[in-house]
Amino acid sequence: MDKYGYKMLFASTHDDETVVYDLGEANDPDMAMKMLSEPDVINMRKEAGVDLESQEVLSTISKHKIWQG
């Protein structure tokens, strides 16, 4: 994931484990999507039981602010 400038921050699932949500940080969202198209990543996700057709990006945050108190 370092190669693509991606860092996984958090992952969670429904109680029945049929839906997984993850929160990640990417320097470039296009590179993160490229990572997901790599054959070894695809195979690893399939072996883990991921339905690749069900993947969807819920939102991309392009601007942020850090408040310091």
N, C-alpha and C. Protein backbone atom coordinates (compact mmCIF):
# COMPACT_ATOMS: atom_id res chain seq x y z
N MET A 1 0.81 -1.18 0.00
CA MET A 1 0.00 0.00 0.00
C MET A 1 0.86 1.26 0.00
N ASP A 2 2.05 1.16 0.59
CA ASP A 2 2.95 2.32 0.59
C ASP A 2 3.31 2.73 -0.83
N LYS A 3 3.49 1.72 -1.69
CA LYS A 3 3.86 1.97 -3.08
C LYS A 3 2.85 2.89 -3.78
N TYR A 4 1.59 2.81 -3.35
CA TYR A 4 0.52 3.59 -3.98
C TYR A 4 0.12 4.81 -3.16
N GLY A 5 0.84 5.07 -2.09
CA GLY A 5 0.51 6.23 -1.26
C GLY A 5 -0.81 6.09 -0.53
N TYR A 6 -1.15 4.85 -0.11
CA TYR A 6 -2.43 4.58 0.53
C TYR A 6 -2.20 4.06 1.95
N LYS A 7 -3.01 4.53 2.87
CA LYS A 7 -2.92 4.07 4.26
C LYS A 7 -4.33 3.75 4.75
N MET A 8 -4.52 2.53 5.24
CA MET A 8 -5.80 2.12 5.82
C MET A 8 -5.86 2.66 7.24
N LEU A 9 -6.93 3.40 7.55
CA LEU A 9 -7.07 4.00 8.87
C LEU A 9 -8.03 3.23 9.77
N PHE A 10 -9.10 2.69 9.18
CA PHE A 10 -10.15 2.06 9.98
C PHE A 10 -10.97 1.13 9.10
N ALA A 11 -11.42 0.02 9.66
CA ALA A 11 -12.34 -0.88 8.96
C ALA A 11 -13.38 -1.38 9.96
N SER A 12 -14.60 -1.56 9.49
CA SER A 12 -15.70 -2.00 10.35
C SER A 12 -16.66 -2.83 9.51
N THR A 13 -17.50 -3.59 10.18
CA THR A 13 -18.46 -4.45 9.48
C THR A 13 -19.82 -4.41 10.17
N HIS A 14 -20.85 -4.81 9.45
CA HIS A 14 -22.16 -5.02 10.07
C HIS A 14 -22.04 -6.21 11.02
N ASP A 15 -23.01 -6.36 11.91
CA ASP A 15 -22.98 -7.48 12.86
C ASP A 15 -22.91 -8.83 12.16
N ASP A 16 -23.59 -8.97 11.01
CA ASP A 16 -23.59 -10.25 10.31
C ASP A 16 -22.41 -10.40 9.35
N GLU A 17 -21.54 -9.43 9.33
CA GLU A 17 -20.30 -9.43 8.53
C GLU A 17 -20.54 -9.57 7.03
N THR A 18 -21.67 -9.08 6.53
CA THR A 18 -21.94 -9.13 5.10
C THR A 18 -21.54 -7.85 4.39
N VAL A 19 -21.29 -6.78 5.14
CA VAL A 19 -20.88 -5.50 4.58
C VAL A 19 -19.69 -4.98 5.38
N VAL A 20 -18.67 -4.53 4.67
CA VAL A 20 -17.49 -3.97 5.32
C VAL A 20 -17.30 -2.54 4.84
N TYR A 21 -17.02 -1.67 5.78
CA TYR A 21 -16.69 -0.28 5.46
C TYR A 21 -15.24 -0.05 5.85
N ASP A 22 -14.51 0.66 5.01
CA ASP A 22 -13.16 1.02 5.42
C ASP A 22 -12.91 2.49 5.13
N LEU A 23 -12.03 3.05 5.91
CA LEU A 23 -11.64 4.44 5.77
C LEU A 23 -10.14 4.46 5.54
N GLY A 24 -9.75 5.04 4.43
CA GLY A 24 -8.33 5.09 4.10
C GLY A 24 -7.92 6.48 3.67
N GLU A 25 -6.63 6.67 3.63
CA GLU A 25 -6.08 7.96 3.22
C GLU A 25 -5.17 7.70 2.02
N ALA A 26 -5.37 8.48 0.96
CA ALA A 26 -4.57 8.32 -0.25
C ALA A 26 -4.02 9.67 -0.68
N ASN A 27 -2.76 9.69 -1.07
CA ASN A 27 -2.18 10.90 -1.62
C ASN A 27 -2.84 11.26 -2.94
N ASP A 28 -3.20 10.23 -3.71
CA ASP A 28 -3.84 10.40 -5.02
C ASP A 28 -4.91 9.32 -5.17
N PRO A 29 -6.19 9.66 -5.18
CA PRO A 29 -7.25 8.65 -5.29
C PRO A 29 -7.12 7.76 -6.52
N ASP A 30 -6.59 8.29 -7.60
CA ASP A 30 -6.40 7.47 -8.81
C ASP A 30 -5.39 6.35 -8.56
N MET A 31 -4.36 6.65 -7.78
CA MET A 31 -3.36 5.62 -7.45
C MET A 31 -3.97 4.55 -6.55
N ALA A 32 -4.85 4.95 -5.64
CA ALA A 32 -5.52 3.97 -4.78
C ALA A 32 -6.38 3.03 -5.63
N MET A 33 -7.08 3.56 -6.62
CA MET A 33 -7.88 2.72 -7.50
C MET A 33 -6.99 1.82 -8.35
N LYS A 34 -5.83 2.33 -8.75
CA LYS A 34 -4.87 1.52 -9.51
C LYS A 34 -4.42 0.33 -8.67
N MET A 35 -4.19 0.58 -7.37
CA MET A 35 -3.78 -0.50 -6.47
C MET A 35 -4.83 -1.61 -6.47
N LEU A 36 -6.11 -1.23 -6.46
CA LEU A 36 -7.18 -2.23 -6.42
C LEU A 36 -7.30 -3.02 -7.71
N SER A 37 -6.67 -2.55 -8.79
CA SER A 37 -6.74 -3.27 -10.06
C SER A 37 -5.51 -4.16 -10.29
N GLU A 38 -4.58 -4.17 -9.34
CA GLU A 38 -3.40 -5.03 -9.46
C GLU A 38 -3.81 -6.49 -9.28
N PRO A 39 -3.33 -7.39 -10.15
CA PRO A 39 -3.74 -8.80 -10.07
C PRO A 39 -3.51 -9.45 -8.70
N ASP A 40 -2.39 -9.16 -8.04
CA ASP A 40 -2.15 -9.78 -6.74
C ASP A 40 -3.12 -9.27 -5.68
N VAL A 41 -3.51 -8.00 -5.77
CA VAL A 41 -4.48 -7.43 -4.82
C VAL A 41 -5.86 -8.01 -5.11
N ILE A 42 -6.22 -8.14 -6.38
CA ILE A 42 -7.51 -8.74 -6.75
C ILE A 42 -7.59 -10.16 -6.21
N ASN A 43 -6.55 -10.95 -6.42
CA ASN A 43 -6.55 -12.34 -5.95
C ASN A 43 -6.64 -12.41 -4.43
N MET A 44 -5.90 -11.56 -3.73
CA MET A 44 -5.93 -11.54 -2.27
C MET A 44 -7.34 -11.21 -1.77
N ARG A 45 -7.99 -10.25 -2.39
CA ARG A 45 -9.34 -9.85 -1.98
C ARG A 45 -10.36 -10.95 -2.28
N LYS A 46 -10.22 -11.62 -3.45
CA LYS A 46 -11.12 -12.73 -3.78
C LYS A 46 -10.98 -13.86 -2.78
N GLU A 47 -9.73 -14.19 -2.43
CA GLU A 47 -9.48 -15.26 -1.46
C GLU A 47 -10.07 -14.92 -0.09
N ALA A 48 -10.17 -13.64 0.22
CA ALA A 48 -10.76 -13.21 1.50
C ALA A 48 -12.28 -13.18 1.44
N GLY A 49 -12.86 -13.45 0.25
CA GLY A 49 -14.31 -13.50 0.11
C GLY A 49 -14.95 -12.20 -0.32
N VAL A 50 -14.17 -11.26 -0.83
CA VAL A 50 -14.71 -9.97 -1.27
C VAL A 50 -15.46 -10.16 -2.58
N ASP A 51 -16.67 -9.63 -2.65
CA ASP A 51 -17.44 -9.57 -3.89
C ASP A 51 -17.01 -8.30 -4.60
N LEU A 52 -16.10 -8.42 -5.55
CA LEU A 52 -15.50 -7.26 -6.20
C LEU A 52 -16.52 -6.41 -6.94
N GLU A 53 -17.60 -7.00 -7.40
CA GLU A 53 -18.63 -6.25 -8.12
C GLU A 53 -19.43 -5.33 -7.18
N SER A 54 -19.38 -5.61 -5.89
CA SER A 54 -20.18 -4.81 -4.95
C SER A 54 -19.42 -3.61 -4.39
N GLN A 55 -18.16 -3.46 -4.76
CA GLN A 55 -17.34 -2.36 -4.23
C GLN A 55 -17.85 -1.02 -4.74
N GLU A 56 -17.94 -0.04 -3.83
CA GLU A 56 -18.31 1.30 -4.25
C GLU A 56 -17.63 2.32 -3.33
N VAL A 57 -17.21 3.42 -3.91
CA VAL A 57 -16.64 4.52 -3.15
C VAL A 57 -17.80 5.39 -2.70
N LEU A 58 -17.96 5.54 -1.39
CA LEU A 58 -19.08 6.33 -0.87
C LEU A 58 -18.82 7.82 -1.00
N SER A 59 -17.61 8.24 -0.69
CA SER A 59 -17.27 9.65 -0.86
C SER A 59 -15.77 9.84 -0.80
N THR A 60 -15.33 10.90 -1.42
CA THR A 60 -13.93 11.29 -1.40
C THR A 60 -13.84 12.67 -0.78
N ILE A 61 -13.00 12.80 0.21
CA ILE A 61 -12.80 14.10 0.85
C ILE A 61 -11.57 14.73 0.22
N SER A 62 -11.76 15.88 -0.40
CA SER A 62 -10.63 16.51 -1.07
C SER A 62 -10.08 17.70 -0.30
N LYS A 63 -10.86 18.24 0.63
CA LYS A 63 -10.39 19.36 1.45
C LYS A 63 -10.62 19.01 2.91
N HIS A 64 -9.72 19.43 3.75
CA HIS A 64 -9.88 19.17 5.17
C HIS A 64 -9.23 20.28 5.99
N LYS A 65 -9.56 20.33 7.23
CA LYS A 65 -8.98 21.31 8.14
C LYS A 65 -8.72 20.63 9.46
N ILE A 66 -7.59 20.90 10.04
CA ILE A 66 -7.24 20.37 11.36
C ILE A 66 -7.31 21.51 12.36
N TRP A 67 -8.17 21.34 13.35
CA TRP A 67 -8.30 22.36 14.40
C TRP A 67 -7.38 21.99 15.56
N GLN A 68 -6.66 22.95 16.04
CA GLN A 68 -5.81 22.73 17.20
C GLN A 68 -6.29 23.63 18.33
N GLY A 69 -6.41 23.07 19.52
CA GLY A 69 -6.96 23.82 20.63
C GLY A 69 -5.97 24.30 21.63
